[in-house]
Amino acid sequence: MNFRLSVKEDINEVMKIINQAKEYFKSQGIDQWQDGYPNEQTIENDIKKGEAYVLEEDGHIIGTCMVTIKGEPSYNVIDGKWLLNSPYICVHRIALDNQYKGKGLASIILDHAVALYPQYHSVRMDTHYDNLSMQHFLTKYGFVYCGDIHLSTSGDLRRAYEKRLLK
């Protein structure tokens, strides 16, 4: 498997995967990604910033995510407490092709994401309150629920998680 930066030519494949996730959320009654976000412009912006990544197998894109170390404004205020008060890796928009779900690929994506920045001591993520499968994954991967945040763009409530990285 190959984890690499996304390029503009990947957008159609990435959007196919994101749209599968949107359909899954809708079928589960989860009001996440049901308002047009993320869209092609979101992914294009991530690519321009050098923060969009894909996971490939045999040249076929099977997963995607966004990784940044520039901070997440929504994390500046938390109803709770972060584990560490230091710069962190932030991962957003993890999505897998439906044909590859349940094979541990989200863990592989996160492993690669944190390996990009070995000098950082933690990784933070957030998820929708109704996205129980992501909450389960985060806990299984070693994240700790730290409290609630509100998205700076919409004000929507999210569960916030952090994982301390061993150094």
C-alpha atoms as a PDB file:
ATOM      1  CA  MET A   1       0.000   0.000   0.000  1.00  0.00           C
ATOM      2  CA  ASN A   2       1.105   3.519  -0.760  1.00  0.00           C
ATOM      3  CA  PHE A   3       0.216   6.603   1.306  1.00  0.00           C
ATOM      4  CA  ARG A   4       0.901   9.761  -0.656  1.00  0.00           C
ATOM      5  CA  LEU A   5      -0.042  13.379  -1.131  1.00  0.00           C
ATOM      6  CA  SER A   6      -3.144  13.837  -3.256  1.00  0.00           C
ATOM      7  CA  VAL A   7      -2.928  15.585  -6.599  1.00  0.00           C
ATOM      8  CA  LYS A   8      -5.656  17.373  -8.528  1.00  0.00           C
ATOM      9  CA  GLU A   9      -6.128  14.317 -10.763  1.00  0.00           C
ATOM     10  CA  ASP A  10      -7.258  12.348  -7.678  1.00  0.00           C
ATOM     11  CA  ILE A  11     -10.266  14.553  -6.927  1.00  0.00           C
ATOM     12  CA  ASN A  12     -12.855  12.430  -8.783  1.00  0.00           C
ATOM     13  CA  GLU A  13     -11.763   9.222  -7.030  1.00  0.00           C
ATOM     14  CA  VAL A  14     -11.547  10.968  -3.654  1.00  0.00           C
ATOM     15  CA  MET A  15     -15.042  12.424  -4.117  1.00  0.00           C
ATOM     16  CA  LYS A  16     -16.391   8.983  -5.017  1.00  0.00           C
ATOM     17  CA  ILE A  17     -15.137   7.700  -1.652  1.00  0.00           C
ATOM     18  CA  ILE A  18     -16.429  10.743   0.232  1.00  0.00           C
ATOM     19  CA  ASN A  19     -19.829  10.397  -1.436  1.00  0.00           C
ATOM     20  CA  GLN A  20     -19.955   6.746  -0.339  1.00  0.00           C
ATOM     21  CA  ALA A  21     -19.337   7.935   3.229  1.00  0.00           C
ATOM     22  CA  LYS A  22     -22.082  10.554   2.894  1.00  0.00           C
ATOM     23  CA  GLU A  23     -24.514   7.853   1.761  1.00  0.00           C
ATOM     24  CA  TYR A  24     -23.488   5.628   4.664  1.00  0.00           C
ATOM     25  CA  PHE A  25     -24.067   8.433   7.167  1.00  0.00           C
ATOM     26  CA  LYS A  26     -27.460   9.174   5.621  1.00  0.00           C
ATOM     27  CA  SER A  27     -28.481   5.500   5.764  1.00  0.00           C
ATOM     28  CA  GLN A  28     -27.500   5.395   9.454  1.00  0.00           C
ATOM     29  CA  GLY A  29     -29.419   8.590  10.291  1.00  0.00           C
ATOM     30  CA  ILE A  30     -26.173  10.453  11.021  1.00  0.00           C
ATOM     31  CA  ASP A  31     -26.412  14.138  10.179  1.00  0.00           C
ATOM     32  CA  GLN A  32     -22.731  14.379   9.230  1.00  0.00           C
ATOM     33  CA  TRP A  33     -21.554  15.544   5.795  1.00  0.00           C
ATOM     34  CA  GLN A  34     -25.191  16.009   4.728  1.00  0.00           C
ATOM     35  CA  ASP A  35     -24.915  19.716   3.883  1.00  0.00           C
ATOM     36  CA  GLY A  36     -22.653  19.557   0.829  1.00  0.00           C
ATOM     37  CA  TYR A  37     -19.434  19.411   2.847  1.00  0.00           C
ATOM     38  CA  PRO A  38     -16.885  18.149   2.055  1.00  0.00           C
ATOM     39  CA  ASN A  39     -17.028  18.953  -1.639  1.00  0.00           C
ATOM     40  CA  GLU A  40     -14.569  19.152  -4.536  1.00  0.00           C
ATOM     41  CA  GLN A  41     -13.486  22.652  -3.489  1.00  0.00           C
ATOM     42  CA  THR A  42     -12.689  21.375   0.023  1.00  0.00           C
ATOM     43  CA  ILE A  43     -10.451  18.655  -1.408  1.00  0.00           C
ATOM     44  CA  GLU A  44      -8.862  21.021  -3.927  1.00  0.00           C
ATOM     45  CA  ASN A  45      -8.034  23.461  -1.100  1.00  0.00           C
ATOM     46  CA  ASP A  46      -6.489  20.617   0.930  1.00  0.00           C
ATOM     47  CA  ILE A  47      -4.383  19.659  -2.097  1.00  0.00           C
ATOM     48  CA  LYS A  48      -3.209  23.249  -2.610  1.00  0.00           C
ATOM     49  CA  LYS A  49      -2.129  23.398   1.062  1.00  0.00           C
ATOM     50  CA  GLY A  50      -0.304  20.061   0.804  1.00  0.00           C
ATOM     51  CA  GLU A  51      -2.623  18.506   3.412  1.00  0.00           C
ATOM     52  CA  ALA A  52      -4.623  15.988   1.338  1.00  0.00           C
ATOM     53  CA  TYR A  53      -3.529  12.355   1.276  1.00  0.00           C
ATOM     54  CA  VAL A  54      -4.681   9.129  -0.317  1.00  0.00           C
ATOM     55  CA  LEU A  55      -4.045   5.485   0.429  1.00  0.00           C
ATOM     56  CA  GLU A  56      -3.541   3.385  -2.688  1.00  0.00           C
ATOM     57  CA  GLU A  57      -3.421  -0.309  -3.389  1.00  0.00           C
ATOM     58  CA  ASP A  58      -2.095  -1.368  -6.779  1.00  0.00           C
ATOM     59  CA  GLY A  59      -2.512   2.212  -8.043  1.00  0.00           C
ATOM     60  CA  HIS A  60      -6.185   2.351  -6.991  1.00  0.00           C
ATOM     61  CA  ILE A  61      -7.243   4.945  -4.391  1.00  0.00           C
ATOM     62  CA  ILE A  62      -8.931   3.135  -1.500  1.00  0.00           C
ATOM     63  CA  GLY A  63      -8.854   5.790   1.220  1.00  0.00           C
ATOM     64  CA  THR A  64      -8.391   9.482   1.864  1.00  0.00           C
ATOM     65  CA  CYS A  65      -7.773  11.950   4.661  1.00  0.00           C
ATOM     66  CA  MET A  66      -6.547  15.446   5.466  1.00  0.00           C
ATOM     67  CA  VAL A  67      -3.572  15.954   7.786  1.00  0.00           C
ATOM     68  CA  THR A  68      -2.425  19.303   9.160  1.00  0.00           C
ATOM     69  CA  ILE A  69      -0.074  20.662  11.795  1.00  0.00           C
ATOM     70  CA  LYS A  70      -1.349  24.219  11.379  1.00  0.00           C
ATOM     71  CA  GLY A  71      -3.867  23.826  14.194  1.00  0.00           C
ATOM     72  CA  GLU A  72      -7.637  23.559  14.109  1.00  0.00           C
ATOM     73  CA  PRO A  73      -9.491  26.748  15.158  1.00  0.00           C
ATOM     74  CA  SER A  74     -12.428  24.653  16.401  1.00  0.00           C
ATOM     75  CA  TYR A  75     -10.105  23.091  18.990  1.00  0.00           C
ATOM     76  CA  ASN A  76      -9.198  26.402  20.638  1.00  0.00           C
ATOM     77  CA  VAL A  77     -12.212  26.135  22.952  1.00  0.00           C
ATOM     78  CA  ILE A  78     -13.165  22.782  24.435  1.00  0.00           C
ATOM     79  CA  ASP A  79     -15.772  21.864  27.016  1.00  0.00           C
ATOM     80  CA  GLY A  80     -13.338  19.497  28.676  1.00  0.00           C
ATOM     81  CA  LYS A  81      -9.559  19.321  28.604  1.00  0.00           C
ATOM     82  CA  TRP A  82      -7.009  18.252  26.014  1.00  0.00           C
ATOM     83  CA  LEU A  83      -4.394  15.725  27.153  1.00  0.00           C
ATOM     84  CA  LEU A  84      -1.456  17.908  26.132  1.00  0.00           C
ATOM     85  CA  ASN A  85      -0.997  21.627  25.729  1.00  0.00           C
ATOM     86  CA  SER A  86       1.408  21.455  22.803  1.00  0.00           C
ATOM     87  CA  PRO A  87       1.375  21.514  18.994  1.00  0.00           C
ATOM     88  CA  TYR A  88      -0.521  18.540  17.572  1.00  0.00           C
ATOM     89  CA  ILE A  89      -1.255  16.664  14.393  1.00  0.00           C
ATOM     90  CA  CYS A  90      -4.864  17.035  13.287  1.00  0.00           C
ATOM     91  CA  VAL A  91      -6.528  14.491  11.011  1.00  0.00           C
ATOM     92  CA  HIS A  92      -9.844  15.176   9.284  1.00  0.00           C
ATOM     93  CA  ARG A  93     -12.036  13.544   6.670  1.00  0.00           C
ATOM     94  CA  ILE A  94     -10.866   9.953   6.880  1.00  0.00           C
ATOM     95  CA  ALA A  95     -12.927   7.973   4.395  1.00  0.00           C
ATOM     96  CA  LEU A  96     -12.518   4.509   2.874  1.00  0.00           C
ATOM     97  CA  ASP A  97     -13.865   2.944  -0.281  1.00  0.00           C
ATOM     98  CA  ASN A  98     -16.812   0.754   0.767  1.00  0.00           C
ATOM     99  CA  GLN A  99     -15.123  -2.328  -0.703  1.00  0.00           C
ATOM    100  CA  TYR A 100     -12.214  -1.913   1.725  1.00  0.00           C
ATOM    101  CA  LYS A 101     -14.022  -1.200   4.989  1.00  0.00           C
ATOM    102  CA  GLY A 102     -13.415  -3.513   7.924  1.00  0.00           C
ATOM    103  CA  LYS A 103      -9.837  -4.346   6.888  1.00  0.00           C
ATOM    104  CA  GLY A 104      -8.010  -2.078   9.358  1.00  0.00           C
ATOM    105  CA  LEU A 105      -7.232   0.564   6.748  1.00  0.00           C
ATOM    106  CA  ALA A 106      -8.284   3.507   8.921  1.00  0.00           C
ATOM    107  CA  SER A 107      -5.539   2.444  11.343  1.00  0.00           C
ATOM    108  CA  ILE A 108      -3.063   2.262   8.483  1.00  0.00           C
ATOM    109  CA  ILE A 109      -4.047   5.767   7.356  1.00  0.00           C
ATOM    110  CA  LEU A 110      -3.590   7.119  10.890  1.00  0.00           C
ATOM    111  CA  ASP A 111      -0.278   5.315  11.292  1.00  0.00           C
ATOM    112  CA  HIS A 112       0.984   6.996   8.125  1.00  0.00           C
ATOM    113  CA  ALA A 113      -0.460  10.380   9.112  1.00  0.00           C
ATOM    114  CA  VAL A 114       1.320  10.481  12.472  1.00  0.00           C
ATOM    115  CA  ALA A 115       4.547   9.172  10.894  1.00  0.00           C
ATOM    116  CA  LEU A 116       4.635  12.324   8.748  1.00  0.00           C
ATOM    117  CA  TYR A 117       5.438  14.372  11.862  1.00  0.00           C
ATOM    118  CA  PRO A 118       7.505  12.264  14.274  1.00  0.00           C
ATOM    119  CA  GLN A 119       8.416  15.329  16.358  1.00  0.00           C
ATOM    120  CA  TYR A 120       4.781  15.833  17.483  1.00  0.00           C
ATOM    121  CA  HIS A 121       3.523  14.358  20.749  1.00  0.00           C
ATOM    122  CA  SER A 122      -0.190  14.021  20.013  1.00  0.00           C
ATOM    123  CA  VAL A 123      -2.853  13.701  17.351  1.00  0.00           C
ATOM    124  CA  ARG A 124      -6.344  15.174  17.636  1.00  0.00           C
ATOM    125  CA  MET A 125      -9.581  14.342  15.856  1.00  0.00           C
ATOM    126  CA  ASP A 126     -13.261  15.019  16.261  1.00  0.00           C
ATOM    127  CA  THR A 127     -16.412  13.291  15.158  1.00  0.00           C
ATOM    128  CA  HIS A 128     -20.170  13.688  15.082  1.00  0.00           C
ATOM    129  CA  TYR A 129     -22.019  12.617  18.220  1.00  0.00           C
ATOM    130  CA  ASP A 130     -24.004  10.022  16.260  1.00  0.00           C
ATOM    131  CA  ASN A 131     -20.993   8.551  14.436  1.00  0.00           C
ATOM    132  CA  LEU A 132     -20.621   5.612  16.796  1.00  0.00           C
ATOM    133  CA  SER A 133     -18.430   3.595  14.413  1.00  0.00           C
ATOM    134  CA  MET A 134     -15.809   6.386  14.334  1.00  0.00           C
ATOM    135  CA  GLN A 135     -16.025   6.824  18.107  1.00  0.00           C
ATOM    136  CA  HIS A 136     -15.429   3.091  18.518  1.00  0.00           C
ATOM    137  CA  PHE A 137     -12.507   3.195  16.090  1.00  0.00           C
ATOM    138  CA  LEU A 138     -10.889   6.167  17.858  1.00  0.00           C
ATOM    139  CA  THR A 139     -11.153   4.484  21.254  1.00  0.00           C
ATOM    140  CA  LYS A 140      -9.791   1.210  19.865  1.00  0.00           C
ATOM    141  CA  TYR A 141      -6.888   3.095  18.267  1.00  0.00           C
ATOM    142  CA  GLY A 142      -5.984   4.622  21.642  1.00  0.00           C
ATOM    143  CA  PHE A 143      -7.628   8.026  21.508  1.00  0.00           C
ATOM    144  CA  VAL A 144      -9.121   9.489  24.669  1.00  0.00           C
ATOM    145  CA  TYR A 145     -12.390  11.428  24.640  1.00  0.00           C
ATOM    146  CA  CYS A 146     -11.420  14.902  25.887  1.00  0.00           C
ATOM    147  CA  GLY A 147     -14.702  16.820  25.658  1.00  0.00           C
ATOM    148  CA  ASP A 148     -16.898  18.683  23.236  1.00  0.00           C
ATOM    149  CA  ILE A 149     -16.017  21.308  20.669  1.00  0.00           C
ATOM    150  CA  HIS A 150     -18.091  23.442  18.326  1.00  0.00           C
ATOM    151  CA  LEU A 151     -17.031  23.644  14.690  1.00  0.00           C
ATOM    152  CA  SER A 152     -15.811  27.143  13.940  1.00  0.00           C
ATOM    153  CA  THR A 153     -17.505  27.072  10.516  1.00  0.00           C
ATOM    154  CA  SER A 154     -21.011  25.945  11.506  1.00  0.00           C
ATOM    155  CA  GLY A 155     -21.153  25.880  15.312  1.00  0.00           C
ATOM    156  CA  ASP A 156     -22.097  22.191  15.186  1.00  0.00           C
ATOM    157  CA  LEU A 157     -21.226  20.134  18.273  1.00  0.00           C
ATOM    158  CA  ARG A 158     -18.564  17.416  17.957  1.00  0.00           C
ATOM    159  CA  ARG A 159     -16.879  14.913  20.263  1.00  0.00           C
ATOM    160  CA  ALA A 160     -13.151  15.698  20.517  1.00  0.00           C
ATOM    161  CA  TYR A 161     -10.432  13.086  20.946  1.00  0.00           C
ATOM    162  CA  GLU A 162      -6.685  13.131  21.444  1.00  0.00           C
ATOM    163  CA  LYS A 163      -4.044  10.445  21.414  1.00  0.00           C
ATOM    164  CA  ARG A 164      -0.686  10.877  23.083  1.00  0.00           C
ATOM    165  CA  LEU A 165       2.066   9.608  20.823  1.00  0.00           C
ATOM    166  CA  LEU A 166       4.887   7.685  22.483  1.00  0.00           C
ATOM    167  CA  LYS A 167       8.273   9.302  22.091  1.00  0.00           C
END
